[in-house]
Every structure is written in structure tokens, then in C-alpha cells.
């Protein structure tokens, strides 16, 4: 049975298990109908022109894990920010792990979507925010909505500065021959509140995994949100990440995406401006090799005046790896005084590596400052020669240049322990000892 048919056949049983009388029934039903009509995206669609899911969908994925699995902390400690104290929301094969998690209701809500979707105390927040900015026409977002049940629910009240970072980690044990999981995250950050969030998806063996994730983030007036995505999975893991962000007046949201592992990774990152003097930051580093594929698809919709957005994506491709960057800045007629910047720089160090880049500007306002740039090239031979002349071996010289190439993005990470972890991963990917304890 094809995966689409399996999902459609499983939907009714899923709804009956979670209560078909739920107020979400109509929402889920409409979502599954949209997925049924559209199916999985193909390369015939412009937005998926360079990314094919055909090989992934041939796997016989289990839609639901057969049993709850446990993991010892010592076996996964390296995937956490264990150097500092954090709130933790951890899932194993899509099921919440109370043993590995450290949630709280002490002044803030860091808990589960399953609780938020079913308990009356959360009804007002769910009615106000759930599925409000997610693209209801997107087939994979619709699929996630239809099966939405578990994930992280984070609600930060007005004027609250969250003192500890929040980690959201999804582990796949590989106890299933192949598994599909569909986490759903909702993050609401109140006026003048500040939060730092780190999200990671991690497989623990080489059995195929397909993750179809949706995250909605709402930043109220003057809220500050720093969101970090760590994508360093095994090469049999596939991730489709849909993130939707709505920003109110004077809010600041930054999303850093670090893509180092996995088979196929597709990041859909969408920002929507709903007030003046908003600041949006989108930064990413991609370092992949072999036949890995990473696709970044970004949208910033400037709908209001006096707002800024800054995009900076760095890519290093080795072997036969493939990268895609499709970045779109949309400036509506009302969005005067917009300042939007987009930069995508790519280094190909493999003879068969490929990058497909398509920066886009659509501007309907006449008083704006918008720019975009894209470069594709190889390492500077003169710089390599200069370093080798000063006694630096070729391998180390090459790594130093590539490390410097990424530093513009890593330097903006605001959690020191996370910055150090990213630096270690980059050094490891480049195959050299940069003075870090790997």
C-alpha cells in the first residue's frame, strides 16, 4: 500500500482514538481532504522543482509506533545542552518521554500539545492560535494538521523573560523498520516577553525515518524570540519542516537553521508581519556531502510600514550533495519604509556538488530599501596559497577558510553553550581539529 493510501486509511481510526466529537474534528477533516486531493508534492510544482520525495515515499513507513520505547539519558546526553540547565520537552518515536523531559507550569507553560488540545484550561489559547497561520493549502501542512496530537506547547505570558533555554527534542529509536512522525508545535510569546528555544530531530540508528513537522510561532508586541534548529541527523532520516511565524508591533524574531545531516531536508520558513517596526532574522548554515540534499524555502511577507528583515544563508557542498535556496521577499503596497536584505553564499568543494539558488523580490511599495545577492564558487586559491606559505597544511588551511566562511552566522548565536556545540559540529564536518574537544 502506498504511503498516501495508508495515511488516508489510518485517519478515521486515529480520530476515533482521540475522540471524534472533538471541536477539532471539522478542522482535521478538512485538512485530510486537502491532502487527499493534492497528495505529496512533486517536482511538477514550482516550489518543489528541485526536490523529489519519490525515493523516500517508497519506504513502508509505520504511521504509528507499535509500543512506547525508553531511552537512558546517558545514551543521548550529547544531544542536549547538558552544560547548562534547560527546560526540556522530549519525545521518543513521537510519544512524550516524562523521564527525559523537564517541563514547567511555574509562571510559563512548557508542556504538551496533547494536553493543550484536549484540556479545557487551554481552550482559549488553542481557539485563538492553533492552525491560524499555518498554510491551509499546503498538502504536507494539511497532513500534519489532520494527525496533529503531540508536540511542544509553549505559552510565555506578558513581560516574562524565560531564564533558561527551552529544548524540544524528537528521538527516533529505529525499533520500527521505518517510521513516520508528525510533531506539531505551538509557541505563543506575550508582550515584552523573551524566550530562547532549541529544536532538534535525532535518529538513534539507521532505519528510515520521515518527519513531517509543523511549528506555529506568535510573537506579540515587543516580544523577542530566538529559535534555533539543529539538523544533524543520520543519512537515512528525512525531515520536512514547516515553520510559520506571525509578528506583532516592534517584535524581534530570529531563526537560525543549522543543516548538517539527514538524507533529504526541506525547510519551509514563513514570516508574516502584522505591525510596524518589526525585525525578522533568518540565518542558516548548510554543510553536507555524499548524496545529501537540503532545500531552504523562505518567505518574508512585509505587509506593514517601517519593518526590517535580514536573511543570510551559507552553504558548503561536498561530493554529490545538492543544495537549494529559494528565498522570497514580498513587500505589499502598504509596507513603505521597508528595509529587507537577503544574501545566499555557496561554496562547492565537490566536483559533482550542485546548488540551485533562486532569490526573489516582489515589491509593490515605492519607498523601500531592498537587496538580494547570491554567490556560487570555490575556495579562494590565493588565500589557500598564502596560508600554506606560512606553514599551515593544505587540509587545515581549507578548513580554516570554510570555518571563517560560516562565522558570520555562528557569531549571532546568543546561547554560548549552543554556539560552542555548533562550532564542534562544524569542525567535525570539516574533518579537522579546530581546538575543540570533539
Foldseek 3Di string as FASTA:
>chain_A
DFPLVVLVVCLVVLCVVLPCPAPCNVVLVLLNVLCVVVPDDACVDVQCVPPGCVVVRVDPADAADPDDDDDDCVVVVLVDLVVDDAAEFEAELQHTDPPPGHFDPPQWGKDWQLCLRPPPVNVVVCVVDPPPFPPSNDNLSSSLSNNEHTFIEIEHEAQAEDPHAYEYEYEYECPDLEHEYEYEYEHEHYANYEHEYEYEYEYPDQRAYEYRYEYEYEAEAQYEYEYEYEAAYAARYEYEYHYEYEYEHQYEYEYEYEHEHYAEYEYEEEYEYDYAAYEYEYEYEYEYEDAHEYEYAYEYEQDAEHYEYEYYYEYEYAYQYEYEYHYEYEADQRHAAYEYEEEYEYAYPYPNYYYHYHYYYHHNHDHYHYDYYYYYYHDDPVQLVVVVVVPDDSLRSRLVRVLVRCCVRLVPDPPVSVSLSSSVVSCVSSPHCPPHDD
